[in-house]
Amino acid sequence: MNTGILALGTYAPQRVMKNGEFESFLETSDEWISSRTGIKERRVSAPDEYTSSMAFKAVENLIHRHGEQALEGVDLVIVATNTPDALFPATACLVQQRFNLKAGAFDLLAGCPGWGYAIAQAHASVSAGLARKVLAIGAEALTKIMDWNDRSTAVLFGDGAGAAVIGPVPEGYGFRSFVLGSDGSGAKELAMGCVNPQFPDGSPMPKSVYMNGREVFKFAVRVMNTASLEAIEKAGLRNEDIKFFVPHQANARIIEAARERLELPPERVWVNVDRYGNTSTASIPIALQEAVDAGQIQDGDHILLVTFGAGLTWAASVLTWWNPPTAPNLLEQGDRA
């Protein structure tokens, strides 16, 4: 069965935190942050906003764009997140209840590639007949778990959510390949402890978000290239067949390195890390929605999605974009994330 993205919706908090705000409590500057990461600002959730409430708003935006019928037939909800409201119940169960869906529900934790894993699971579930449609959400309240005194991580992350309905699409459209991978030998390079105070080798688990920036950067540059090439090959395509590239928005230099290795022109790559920072699992759906709204992705285009993160993990996929005949016209700027 051919499956693809039937509907998209996104949400980003109203509060915009610019780099200059960090100068009052960290030894940093706008120039230092932007030159190393490409980030100029990020969205920060309000005190009463959590992963569930942002997921709700992303789904509401999806309904606003595509109508109530977009959720008809959804019988599985997956929320990919690193910041669930609670260890249990699953945040996905709160989404199921909020929209009165007759659906199974579970959370998925796979670092920043979580949404890439979620759409792969959605594709597999629909293809196997286990679900008719799947609501796959990436949502994060990362600023609530940051150590705001740690310059190496506090400046990187932002909050937001993206939601997609995955279901059957016509012949010739939809997902063409998935590449999922992990390398637990790099687990210590990006981590935050919870229940267990130590890694299996006895070394202490960090109590707040820790990242070895240099090692993660090297890993990301390498895996963005290898996963992209593998996904393109599995899809039966060549690099030049890719019409648009939507990468994980973690670092502008990593994105540029991936673009150069794929030999894609800048105008065929969507970059919004400067405005959102790293929103982890919400990163690709927010970027994808913006690219669609901007008219950069057309019916029949081959799209490459690639992401990486803690685990260390990665996910890549290629899909042929389908614009449903009933899709509404593009929304005005005020309706975007």
C-alpha atoms as a PDB file:
ATOM      1  CA  MET A   1       0.000   0.000   0.000  1.00  0.00           C
ATOM      2  CA  ASN A   2       1.217   3.497  -0.827  1.00  0.00           C
ATOM      3  CA  THR A   3       1.149   5.775   2.205  1.00  0.00           C
ATOM      4  CA  GLY A   4       1.988   9.437   2.537  1.00  0.00           C
ATOM      5  CA  ILE A   5       1.241  12.667   4.348  1.00  0.00           C
ATOM      6  CA  LEU A   6      -2.423  13.577   3.970  1.00  0.00           C
ATOM      7  CA  ALA A   7      -2.452  16.670   6.201  1.00  0.00           C
ATOM      8  CA  LEU A   8      -0.048  18.830   8.207  1.00  0.00           C
ATOM      9  CA  GLY A   9      -0.376  21.329  11.036  1.00  0.00           C
ATOM     10  CA  THR A  10       2.091  23.162  13.268  1.00  0.00           C
ATOM     11  CA  TYR A  11       2.372  25.332  16.341  1.00  0.00           C
ATOM     12  CA  ALA A  12       5.084  27.516  17.854  1.00  0.00           C
ATOM     13  CA  PRO A  13       4.765  29.457  21.128  1.00  0.00           C
ATOM     14  CA  GLN A  14       4.254  33.206  20.940  1.00  0.00           C
ATOM     15  CA  ARG A  15       7.281  34.182  23.025  1.00  0.00           C
ATOM     16  CA  VAL A  16      10.340  34.870  20.883  1.00  0.00           C
ATOM     17  CA  MET A  17      13.668  34.820  22.743  1.00  0.00           C
ATOM     18  CA  LYS A  18      16.477  36.486  20.833  1.00  0.00           C
ATOM     19  CA  ASN A  19      20.151  35.725  21.372  1.00  0.00           C
ATOM     20  CA  GLY A  20      20.763  39.053  23.053  1.00  0.00           C
ATOM     21  CA  GLU A  21      18.691  38.006  26.070  1.00  0.00           C
ATOM     22  CA  PHE A  22      21.345  35.454  27.028  1.00  0.00           C
ATOM     23  CA  GLU A  23      23.959  38.191  27.414  1.00  0.00           C
ATOM     24  CA  SER A  24      22.426  39.256  30.745  1.00  0.00           C
ATOM     25  CA  PHE A  25      23.156  35.928  32.472  1.00  0.00           C
ATOM     26  CA  LEU A  26      25.609  33.971  30.296  1.00  0.00           C
ATOM     27  CA  GLU A  27      29.069  34.688  28.966  1.00  0.00           C
ATOM     28  CA  THR A  28      27.928  34.747  25.371  1.00  0.00           C
ATOM     29  CA  SER A  29      26.731  37.070  22.622  1.00  0.00           C
ATOM     30  CA  ASP A  30      24.512  37.142  19.579  1.00  0.00           C
ATOM     31  CA  GLU A  31      27.618  36.955  17.381  1.00  0.00           C
ATOM     32  CA  TRP A  32      29.003  33.922  19.250  1.00  0.00           C
ATOM     33  CA  ILE A  33      25.719  31.998  19.030  1.00  0.00           C
ATOM     34  CA  SER A  34      24.785  32.874  15.447  1.00  0.00           C
ATOM     35  CA  SER A  35      28.271  32.290  14.018  1.00  0.00           C
ATOM     36  CA  ARG A  36      28.477  28.794  15.524  1.00  0.00           C
ATOM     37  CA  THR A  37      24.895  27.622  15.112  1.00  0.00           C
ATOM     38  CA  GLY A  38      23.016  29.936  12.759  1.00  0.00           C
ATOM     39  CA  ILE A  39      20.422  30.499  15.476  1.00  0.00           C
ATOM     40  CA  LYS A  40      19.173  34.062  15.977  1.00  0.00           C
ATOM     41  CA  GLU A  41      16.082  33.378  18.070  1.00  0.00           C
ATOM     42  CA  ARG A  42      13.885  30.583  19.371  1.00  0.00           C
ATOM     43  CA  ARG A  43      10.329  30.114  20.685  1.00  0.00           C
ATOM     44  CA  VAL A  44       9.811  29.566  24.409  1.00  0.00           C
ATOM     45  CA  SER A  45       6.664  27.985  25.811  1.00  0.00           C
ATOM     46  CA  ALA A  46       4.595  29.931  28.334  1.00  0.00           C
ATOM     47  CA  PRO A  47       4.598  28.764  31.981  1.00  0.00           C
ATOM     48  CA  ASP A  48       1.258  27.003  31.434  1.00  0.00           C
ATOM     49  CA  GLU A  49       2.227  25.478  28.059  1.00  0.00           C
ATOM     50  CA  TYR A  50       3.453  21.891  27.943  1.00  0.00           C
ATOM     51  CA  THR A  51       4.063  19.247  25.313  1.00  0.00           C
ATOM     52  CA  SER A  52       0.419  18.144  25.370  1.00  0.00           C
ATOM     53  CA  SER A  53      -0.996  21.654  24.946  1.00  0.00           C
ATOM     54  CA  MET A  54       1.372  22.394  22.057  1.00  0.00           C
ATOM     55  CA  ALA A  55       0.470  19.066  20.445  1.00  0.00           C
ATOM     56  CA  PHE A  56      -3.218  20.026  20.789  1.00  0.00           C
ATOM     57  CA  LYS A  57      -2.573  23.334  19.018  1.00  0.00           C
ATOM     58  CA  ALA A  58      -0.657  21.666  16.192  1.00  0.00           C
ATOM     59  CA  VAL A  59      -3.601  19.325  15.591  1.00  0.00           C
ATOM     60  CA  GLU A  60      -6.013  22.262  15.789  1.00  0.00           C
ATOM     61  CA  ASN A  61      -3.919  24.008  13.125  1.00  0.00           C
ATOM     62  CA  LEU A  62      -4.088  20.860  11.001  1.00  0.00           C
ATOM     63  CA  ILE A  63      -7.888  20.904  11.301  1.00  0.00           C
ATOM     64  CA  HIS A  64      -7.953  24.621  10.474  1.00  0.00           C
ATOM     65  CA  ARG A  65      -5.994  23.952   7.303  1.00  0.00           C
ATOM     66  CA  HIS A  66      -7.664  20.732   6.155  1.00  0.00           C
ATOM     67  CA  GLY A  67     -11.025  20.530   7.916  1.00  0.00           C
ATOM     68  CA  GLU A  68     -12.454  18.176  10.533  1.00  0.00           C
ATOM     69  CA  GLN A  69     -12.529  15.375   7.972  1.00  0.00           C
ATOM     70  CA  ALA A  70      -8.732  15.171   8.131  1.00  0.00           C
ATOM     71  CA  LEU A  71      -9.009  13.181  11.376  1.00  0.00           C
ATOM     72  CA  GLU A  72     -11.689  10.812  10.073  1.00  0.00           C
ATOM     73  CA  GLY A  73     -10.362   7.251  10.125  1.00  0.00           C
ATOM     74  CA  VAL A  74      -7.453   8.007  12.461  1.00  0.00           C
ATOM     75  CA  ASP A  75      -7.187   4.960  14.720  1.00  0.00           C
ATOM     76  CA  LEU A  76      -3.628   5.324  16.023  1.00  0.00           C
ATOM     77  CA  VAL A  77      -1.889   8.298  17.661  1.00  0.00           C
ATOM     78  CA  ILE A  78       1.876   8.512  18.048  1.00  0.00           C
ATOM     79  CA  VAL A  79       3.506  11.410  19.889  1.00  0.00           C
ATOM     80  CA  ALA A  80       7.260  11.592  19.395  1.00  0.00           C
ATOM     81  CA  THR A  81       8.744  13.630  22.222  1.00  0.00           C
ATOM     82  CA  ASN A  82      11.664  13.880  24.623  1.00  0.00           C
ATOM     83  CA  THR A  83       9.625  15.999  27.044  1.00  0.00           C
ATOM     84  CA  PRO A  84       6.362  14.135  27.731  1.00  0.00           C
ATOM     85  CA  ASP A  85       4.010  15.667  30.254  1.00  0.00           C
ATOM     86  CA  ALA A  86       4.585  12.593  32.410  1.00  0.00           C
ATOM     87  CA  LEU A  87       6.315   9.231  32.277  1.00  0.00           C
ATOM     88  CA  PHE A  88       2.774   7.876  32.195  1.00  0.00           C
ATOM     89  CA  PRO A  89       0.141   8.276  30.961  1.00  0.00           C
ATOM     90  CA  ALA A  90       1.462   8.776  27.443  1.00  0.00           C
ATOM     91  CA  THR A  91       1.013  12.271  26.048  1.00  0.00           C
ATOM     92  CA  ALA A  92      -0.544  10.545  23.014  1.00  0.00           C
ATOM     93  CA  CYS A  93      -3.416   9.397  25.252  1.00  0.00           C
ATOM     94  CA  LEU A  94      -4.124  13.039  26.140  1.00  0.00           C
ATOM     95  CA  VAL A  95      -4.265  13.852  22.419  1.00  0.00           C
ATOM     96  CA  GLN A  96      -6.613  10.912  21.819  1.00  0.00           C
ATOM     97  CA  GLN A  97      -8.971  12.155  24.528  1.00  0.00           C
ATOM     98  CA  ARG A  98      -8.772  15.815  23.472  1.00  0.00           C
ATOM     99  CA  PHE A  99      -9.958  15.024  19.940  1.00  0.00           C
ATOM    100  CA  ASN A 100     -12.255  12.148  20.894  1.00  0.00           C
ATOM    101  CA  LEU A 101     -10.493   9.677  18.618  1.00  0.00           C
ATOM    102  CA  LYS A 102     -11.272   5.966  18.674  1.00  0.00           C
ATOM    103  CA  ALA A 103      -7.602   5.111  18.525  1.00  0.00           C
ATOM    104  CA  GLY A 104      -4.686   3.403  20.158  1.00  0.00           C
ATOM    105  CA  ALA A 105      -2.035   5.758  21.461  1.00  0.00           C
ATOM    106  CA  PHE A 106       1.599   5.690  22.558  1.00  0.00           C
ATOM    107  CA  ASP A 107       4.609   7.970  22.965  1.00  0.00           C
ATOM    108  CA  LEU A 108       7.847   7.389  21.090  1.00  0.00           C
ATOM    109  CA  LEU A 109      11.239   8.465  22.423  1.00  0.00           C
ATOM    110  CA  ALA A 110      14.137   8.388  19.953  1.00  0.00           C
ATOM    111  CA  GLY A 111      15.845  11.740  20.472  1.00  0.00           C
ATOM    112  CA  CYS A 112      15.455  14.394  17.794  1.00  0.00           C
ATOM    113  CA  PRO A 113      14.728  11.764  15.085  1.00  0.00           C
ATOM    114  CA  GLY A 114      11.553  10.789  16.951  1.00  0.00           C
ATOM    115  CA  TRP A 115       9.182  12.155  14.303  1.00  0.00           C
ATOM    116  CA  GLY A 116      11.178  10.372  11.593  1.00  0.00           C
ATOM    117  CA  TYR A 117      10.675   7.136  13.528  1.00  0.00           C
ATOM    118  CA  ALA A 118       6.988   7.990  14.092  1.00  0.00           C
ATOM    119  CA  ILE A 119       6.193   8.416  10.388  1.00  0.00           C
ATOM    120  CA  ALA A 120       8.018   5.141   9.670  1.00  0.00           C
ATOM    121  CA  GLN A 121       5.859   3.391  12.269  1.00  0.00           C
ATOM    122  CA  ALA A 122       2.782   5.079  10.833  1.00  0.00           C
ATOM    123  CA  HIS A 123       3.655   3.868   7.334  1.00  0.00           C
ATOM    124  CA  ALA A 124       4.257   0.335   8.621  1.00  0.00           C
ATOM    125  CA  SER A 125       0.983   0.276  10.572  1.00  0.00           C
ATOM    126  CA  VAL A 126      -1.121   1.430   7.640  1.00  0.00           C
ATOM    127  CA  SER A 127       0.687  -0.828   5.170  1.00  0.00           C
ATOM    128  CA  ALA A 128       0.183  -3.852   7.430  1.00  0.00           C
ATOM    129  CA  GLY A 129      -3.501  -3.112   7.931  1.00  0.00           C
ATOM    130  CA  LEU A 130      -3.073  -2.352  11.631  1.00  0.00           C
ATOM    131  CA  ALA A 131      -4.395   1.190  11.175  1.00  0.00           C
ATOM    132  CA  ARG A 132      -6.408   3.093   8.591  1.00  0.00           C
ATOM    133  CA  LYS A 133      -4.744   6.439   9.332  1.00  0.00           C
ATOM    134  CA  VAL A 134      -2.168   7.515  11.906  1.00  0.00           C
ATOM    135  CA  LEU A 135      -1.796  10.878  13.612  1.00  0.00           C
ATOM    136  CA  ALA A 136       1.981  11.332  14.018  1.00  0.00           C
ATOM    137  CA  ILE A 137       3.017  14.277  16.182  1.00  0.00           C
ATOM    138  CA  GLY A 138       6.381  15.711  17.149  1.00  0.00           C
ATOM    139  CA  ALA A 139       6.121  18.037  20.154  1.00  0.00           C
ATOM    140  CA  GLU A 140       8.655  19.454  22.582  1.00  0.00           C
ATOM    141  CA  ALA A 141       8.844  21.685  25.650  1.00  0.00           C
ATOM    142  CA  LEU A 142      12.641  21.585  25.744  1.00  0.00           C
ATOM    143  CA  THR A 143      13.136  24.989  27.346  1.00  0.00           C
ATOM    144  CA  LYS A 144      11.503  23.608  30.503  1.00  0.00           C
ATOM    145  CA  ILE A 145      14.299  21.054  31.023  1.00  0.00           C
ATOM    146  CA  MET A 146      17.299  23.184  30.019  1.00  0.00           C
ATOM    147  CA  ASP A 147      20.026  24.222  32.430  1.00  0.00           C
ATOM    148  CA  TRP A 148      19.889  27.930  31.655  1.00  0.00           C
ATOM    149  CA  ASN A 149      23.379  28.373  33.106  1.00  0.00           C
ATOM    150  CA  ASP A 150      24.932  25.972  30.588  1.00  0.00           C
ATOM    151  CA  ARG A 151      26.027  28.000  27.579  1.00  0.00           C
ATOM    152  CA  SER A 152      26.666  24.886  25.501  1.00  0.00           C
ATOM    153  CA  THR A 153      22.993  23.804  25.506  1.00  0.00           C
ATOM    154  CA  ALA A 154      20.760  26.645  26.738  1.00  0.00           C
ATOM    155  CA  VAL A 155      21.163  28.669  23.545  1.00  0.00           C
ATOM    156  CA  LEU A 156      20.351  25.789  21.191  1.00  0.00           C
ATOM    157  CA  PHE A 157      16.818  24.618  21.850  1.00  0.00           C
ATOM    158  CA  GLY A 158      13.306  25.907  21.330  1.00  0.00           C
ATOM    159  CA  ASP A 159       9.734  24.677  21.756  1.00  0.00           C
ATOM    160  CA  GLY A 160       7.049  23.761  19.240  1.00  0.00           C
ATOM    161  CA  ALA A 161       4.947  21.031  17.676  1.00  0.00           C
ATOM    162  CA  GLY A 162       4.035  19.552  14.325  1.00  0.00           C
ATOM    163  CA  ALA A 163       1.298  17.063  13.441  1.00  0.00           C
ATOM    164  CA  ALA A 164       0.704  14.937  10.358  1.00  0.00           C
ATOM    165  CA  VAL A 165      -1.961  12.480   9.281  1.00  0.00           C
ATOM    166  CA  ILE A 166      -0.403   9.489   7.519  1.00  0.00           C
ATOM    167  CA  GLY A 167      -2.599   7.346   5.314  1.00  0.00           C
ATOM    168  CA  PRO A 168      -3.153   5.817   1.862  1.00  0.00           C
ATOM    169  CA  VAL A 169      -2.191   7.857  -1.203  1.00  0.00           C
ATOM    170  CA  PRO A 170      -2.533   7.125  -4.952  1.00  0.00           C
ATOM    171  CA  GLU A 171      -0.085   4.992  -6.913  1.00  0.00           C
ATOM    172  CA  GLY A 172       3.173   6.814  -7.602  1.00  0.00           C
ATOM    173  CA  TYR A 173       2.971   8.991  -4.488  1.00  0.00           C
ATOM    174  CA  GLY A 174       3.989   8.686  -0.853  1.00  0.00           C
ATOM    175  CA  PHE A 175       6.918   7.245   1.059  1.00  0.00           C
ATOM    176  CA  ARG A 176       9.537   5.522  -1.073  1.00  0.00           C
ATOM    177  CA  SER A 177      12.127   4.631   1.579  1.00  0.00           C
ATOM    178  CA  PHE A 178      13.050   4.789   5.255  1.00  0.00           C
ATOM    179  CA  VAL A 179      16.442   4.531   6.908  1.00  0.00           C
ATOM    180  CA  LEU A 180      16.515   4.189  10.709  1.00  0.00           C
ATOM    181  CA  GLY A 181      19.733   3.741  12.650  1.00  0.00           C
ATOM    182  CA  SER A 182      21.390   3.982  16.039  1.00  0.00           C
ATOM    183  CA  ASP A 183      24.824   3.796  17.638  1.00  0.00           C
ATOM    184  CA  GLY A 184      24.599   3.379  21.398  1.00  0.00           C
ATOM    185  CA  SER A 185      28.361   3.743  21.751  1.00  0.00           C
ATOM    186  CA  GLY A 186      27.732   7.481  21.479  1.00  0.00           C
ATOM    187  CA  ALA A 187      24.990   7.553  24.108  1.00  0.00           C
ATOM    188  CA  LYS A 188      27.090   9.620  26.517  1.00  0.00           C
ATOM    189  CA  GLU A 189      27.617  12.400  23.994  1.00  0.00           C
ATOM    190  CA  LEU A 190      24.033  13.691  24.300  1.00  0.00           C
ATOM    191  CA  ALA A 191      22.095  12.640  27.373  1.00  0.00           C
ATOM    192  CA  MET A 192      19.934  13.506  30.360  1.00  0.00           C
ATOM    193  CA  GLY A 193      19.276  11.109  33.246  1.00  0.00           C
ATOM    194  CA  CYS A 194      15.933  10.272  34.789  1.00  0.00           C
ATOM    195  CA  VAL A 195      15.478   7.045  36.766  1.00  0.00           C
ATOM    196  CA  ASN A 196      18.903   5.387  36.531  1.00  0.00           C
ATOM    197  CA  PRO A 197      21.760   7.505  37.953  1.00  0.00           C
ATOM    198  CA  GLN A 198      24.400   5.848  35.799  1.00  0.00           C
ATOM    199  CA  PHE A 199      25.195   4.350  32.401  1.00  0.00           C
ATOM    200  CA  PRO A 200      25.657   0.555  32.147  1.00  0.00           C
ATOM    201  CA  ASP A 201      29.433   0.995  32.515  1.00  0.00           C
ATOM    202  CA  GLY A 202      28.949   2.734  35.861  1.00  0.00           C
ATOM    203  CA  SER A 203      29.720   6.291  34.734  1.00  0.00           C
ATOM    204  CA  PRO A 204      27.294   8.922  36.070  1.00  0.00           C
ATOM    205  CA  MET A 205      24.259   9.975  34.068  1.00  0.00           C
ATOM    206  CA  PRO A 206      23.994  13.783  33.688  1.00  0.00           C
ATOM    207  CA  LYS A 207      21.157  15.307  35.705  1.00  0.00           C
ATOM    208  CA  SER A 208      20.493  17.997  33.111  1.00  0.00           C
ATOM    209  CA  VAL A 209      20.851  18.065  29.340  1.00  0.00           C
ATOM    210  CA  TYR A 210      24.487  17.432  28.428  1.00  0.00           C
ATOM    211  CA  MET A 211      25.970  17.562  24.959  1.00  0.00           C
ATOM    212  CA  ASN A 212      29.498  17.035  23.723  1.00  0.00           C
ATOM    213  CA  GLY A 213      29.117  19.545  20.928  1.00  0.00           C
ATOM    214  CA  ARG A 214      32.253  18.620  19.022  1.00  0.00           C
ATOM    215  CA  GLU A 215      31.481  14.894  18.881  1.00  0.00           C
ATOM    216  CA  VAL A 216      27.800  15.410  18.059  1.00  0.00           C
ATOM    217  CA  PHE A 217      28.757  17.815  15.273  1.00  0.00           C
ATOM    218  CA  LYS A 218      31.126  15.291  13.685  1.00  0.00           C
ATOM    219  CA  PHE A 219      28.542  12.526  14.002  1.00  0.00           C
ATOM    220  CA  ALA A 220      25.797  14.701  12.516  1.00  0.00           C
ATOM    221  CA  VAL A 221      27.802  15.785   9.476  1.00  0.00           C
ATOM    222  CA  ARG A 222      28.715  12.173   8.751  1.00  0.00           C
ATOM    223  CA  VAL A 223      25.311  10.577   9.300  1.00  0.00           C
ATOM    224  CA  MET A 224      23.334  13.278   7.481  1.00  0.00           C
ATOM    225  CA  ASN A 225      25.346  12.351   4.399  1.00  0.00           C
ATOM    226  CA  THR A 226      25.340   8.560   4.716  1.00  0.00           C
ATOM    227  CA  ALA A 227      21.658   8.298   5.725  1.00  0.00           C
ATOM    228  CA  SER A 228      20.627  10.635   2.910  1.00  0.00           C
ATOM    229  CA  LEU A 229      22.484   8.657   0.267  1.00  0.00           C
ATOM    230  CA  GLU A 230      21.114   5.363   1.585  1.00  0.00           C
ATOM    231  CA  ALA A 231      17.531   6.651   1.596  1.00  0.00           C
ATOM    232  CA  ILE A 232      17.873   7.999  -1.956  1.00  0.00           C
ATOM    233  CA  GLU A 233      19.317   4.701  -3.186  1.00  0.00           C
ATOM    234  CA  LYS A 234      16.614   2.652  -1.446  1.00  0.00           C
ATOM    235  CA  ALA A 235      14.013   4.870  -3.125  1.00  0.00           C
ATOM    236  CA  GLY A 236      15.465   3.963  -6.506  1.00  0.00           C
ATOM    237  CA  LEU A 237      16.456   7.571  -7.184  1.00  0.00           C
ATOM    238  CA  ARG A 238      19.568   9.655  -7.780  1.00  0.00           C
ATOM    239  CA  ASN A 239      20.689  12.804  -5.950  1.00  0.00           C
ATOM    240  CA  GLU A 240      19.567  14.972  -8.852  1.00  0.00           C
ATOM    241  CA  ASP A 241      16.037  13.539  -8.575  1.00  0.00           C
ATOM    242  CA  ILE A 242      15.552  15.159  -5.158  1.00  0.00           C
ATOM    243  CA  LYS A 243      13.528  18.314  -5.663  1.00  0.00           C
ATOM    244  CA  PHE A 244      13.598  19.511  -2.071  1.00  0.00           C
ATOM    245  CA  PHE A 245      15.564  18.743   1.101  1.00  0.00           C
ATOM    246  CA  VAL A 246      14.060  19.282   4.559  1.00  0.00           C
ATOM    247  CA  PRO A 247      16.747  18.535   7.169  1.00  0.00           C
ATOM    248  CA  HIS A 248      16.616  18.538  10.954  1.00  0.00           C
ATOM    249  CA  GLN A 249      17.083  22.131  12.090  1.00  0.00           C
ATOM    250  CA  ALA A 250      19.843  21.794  14.674  1.00  0.00           C
ATOM    251  CA  ASN A 251      22.750  23.779  13.278  1.00  0.00           C
ATOM    252  CA  ALA A 252      23.125  25.825  10.094  1.00  0.00           C
ATOM    253  CA  ARG A 253      26.685  24.602   9.509  1.00  0.00           C
ATOM    254  CA  ILE A 254      25.559  20.958   9.650  1.00  0.00           C
ATOM    255  CA  ILE A 255      22.768  21.681   7.163  1.00  0.00           C
ATOM    256  CA  GLU A 256      25.185  23.451   4.821  1.00  0.00           C
ATOM    257  CA  ALA A 257      27.662  20.563   4.965  1.00  0.00           C
ATOM    258  CA  ALA A 258      24.872  18.119   4.083  1.00  0.00           C
ATOM    259  CA  ARG A 259      23.658  20.321   1.233  1.00  0.00           C
ATOM    260  CA  GLU A 260      27.145  20.538  -0.265  1.00  0.00           C
ATOM    261  CA  ARG A 261      27.696  16.779  -0.094  1.00  0.00           C
ATOM    262  CA  LEU A 262      24.356  16.172  -1.796  1.00  0.00           C
ATOM    263  CA  GLU A 263      25.246  18.817  -4.398  1.00  0.00           C
ATOM    264  CA  LEU A 264      21.903  20.554  -3.993  1.00  0.00           C
ATOM    265  CA  PRO A 265      21.499  24.289  -4.686  1.00  0.00           C
ATOM    266  CA  PRO A 266      20.603  26.427  -1.630  1.00  0.00           C
ATOM    267  CA  GLU A 267      17.145  27.204  -2.990  1.00  0.00           C
ATOM    268  CA  ARG A 268      16.202  23.517  -2.728  1.00  0.00           C
ATOM    269  CA  VAL A 269      16.873  23.320   1.021  1.00  0.00           C
ATOM    270  CA  TRP A 270      14.596  24.705   3.733  1.00  0.00           C
ATOM    271  CA  VAL A 271      16.361  26.370   6.665  1.00  0.00           C
ATOM    272  CA  ASN A 272      14.532  27.969   9.604  1.00  0.00           C
ATOM    273  CA  VAL A 273      16.933  27.161  12.462  1.00  0.00           C
ATOM    274  CA  ASP A 274      17.664  30.896  12.664  1.00  0.00           C
ATOM    275  CA  ARG A 275      14.063  31.538  13.789  1.00  0.00           C
ATOM    276  CA  TYR A 276      13.209  28.453  15.862  1.00  0.00           C
ATOM    277  CA  GLY A 277      16.445  26.935  17.131  1.00  0.00           C
ATOM    278  CA  ASN A 278      16.446  23.173  17.574  1.00  0.00           C
ATOM    279  CA  THR A 279      12.878  22.053  18.280  1.00  0.00           C
ATOM    280  CA  SER A 280      13.912  18.389  18.179  1.00  0.00           C
ATOM    281  CA  THR A 281      11.013  16.149  17.091  1.00  0.00           C
ATOM    282  CA  ALA A 282       8.994  19.184  15.949  1.00  0.00           C
ATOM    283  CA  SER A 283      11.817  20.428  13.743  1.00  0.00           C
ATOM    284  CA  ILE A 284      11.064  18.669  10.443  1.00  0.00           C
ATOM    285  CA  PRO A 285       7.248  18.970  10.463  1.00  0.00           C
ATOM    286  CA  ILE A 286       7.486  22.716  11.175  1.00  0.00           C
ATOM    287  CA  ALA A 287      10.065  23.170   8.409  1.00  0.00           C
ATOM    288  CA  LEU A 288       8.086  20.980   6.003  1.00  0.00           C
ATOM    289  CA  GLN A 289       4.901  22.957   6.587  1.00  0.00           C
ATOM    290  CA  GLU A 290       6.721  26.228   5.971  1.00  0.00           C
ATOM    291  CA  ALA A 291       8.202  24.916   2.721  1.00  0.00           C
ATOM    292  CA  VAL A 292       4.758  23.801   1.536  1.00  0.00           C
ATOM    293  CA  ASP A 293       3.219  27.147   2.492  1.00  0.00           C
ATOM    294  CA  ALA A 294       5.966  28.962   0.573  1.00  0.00           C
ATOM    295  CA  GLY A 295       5.144  26.983  -2.562  1.00  0.00           C
ATOM    296  CA  GLN A 296       8.533  25.266  -2.604  1.00  0.00           C
ATOM    297  CA  ILE A 297       7.055  21.753  -2.701  1.00  0.00           C
ATOM    298  CA  GLN A 298       4.781  20.756  -5.537  1.00  0.00           C
ATOM    299  CA  ASP A 299       2.698  17.710  -6.395  1.00  0.00           C
ATOM    300  CA  GLY A 300       4.969  14.875  -7.537  1.00  0.00           C
ATOM    301  CA  ASP A 301       8.199  16.308  -6.094  1.00  0.00           C
ATOM    302  CA  HIS A 302      10.638  13.871  -4.486  1.00  0.00           C
ATOM    303  CA  ILE A 303      11.376  15.122  -0.949  1.00  0.00           C
ATOM    304  CA  LEU A 304      14.252  14.090   1.322  1.00  0.00           C
ATOM    305  CA  LEU A 305      13.837  14.269   5.116  1.00  0.00           C
ATOM    306  CA  VAL A 306      16.862  13.608   7.365  1.00  0.00           C
ATOM    307  CA  THR A 307      17.360  13.949  11.106  1.00  0.00           C
ATOM    308  CA  PHE A 308      19.789  12.919  13.865  1.00  0.00           C
ATOM    309  CA  GLY A 309      20.050  13.113  17.629  1.00  0.00           C
ATOM    310  CA  ALA A 310      20.522  11.489  21.025  1.00  0.00           C
ATOM    311  CA  GLY A 311      21.031   7.760  21.169  1.00  0.00           C
ATOM    312  CA  LEU A 312      22.896   8.373  18.988  1.00  0.00           C
ATOM    313  CA  THR A 313      20.125   7.913  16.431  1.00  0.00           C
ATOM    314  CA  TRP A 314      19.213   8.975  12.926  1.00  0.00           C
ATOM    315  CA  ALA A 315      16.328   8.711  10.476  1.00  0.00           C
ATOM    316  CA  ALA A 316      15.950   9.510   6.794  1.00  0.00           C
ATOM    317  CA  SER A 317      13.096   9.106   4.358  1.00  0.00           C
ATOM    318  CA  VAL A 318      12.203   9.928   0.780  1.00  0.00           C
ATOM    319  CA  LEU A 319       8.642  10.583  -0.292  1.00  0.00           C
ATOM    320  CA  THR A 320       6.894  11.715  -3.432  1.00  0.00           C
ATOM    321  CA  TRP A 321       4.672  14.614  -2.436  1.00  0.00           C
ATOM    322  CA  TRP A 322       0.930  14.389  -3.012  1.00  0.00           C
ATOM    323  CA  ASN A 323      -1.392  17.376  -2.949  1.00  0.00           C
ATOM    324  CA  PRO A 324      -4.893  16.015  -2.343  1.00  0.00           C
ATOM    325  CA  PRO A 325      -7.445  17.437  -4.808  1.00  0.00           C
ATOM    326  CA  THR A 326      -9.433  18.849  -1.888  1.00  0.00           C
ATOM    327  CA  ALA A 327      -6.444  20.598  -0.315  1.00  0.00           C
ATOM    328  CA  PRO A 328      -7.275  24.228   0.590  1.00  0.00           C
ATOM    329  CA  ASN A 329      -5.397  27.180  -0.811  1.00  0.00           C
ATOM    330  CA  LEU A 330      -2.274  28.230   1.052  1.00  0.00           C
ATOM    331  CA  LEU A 331      -3.009  30.119   4.239  1.00  0.00           C
ATOM    332  CA  GLU A 332      -1.988  33.667   4.928  1.00  0.00           C
ATOM    333  CA  GLN A 333       1.177  34.347   6.919  1.00  0.00           C
ATOM    334  CA  GLY A 334      -0.798  34.839  10.144  1.00  0.00           C
ATOM    335  CA  ASP A 335      -1.960  31.209  10.082  1.00  0.00           C
ATOM    336  CA  ARG A 336       1.536  29.733   9.934  1.00  0.00           C
ATOM    337  CA  ALA A 337       3.604  28.483  12.849  1.00  0.00           C
END
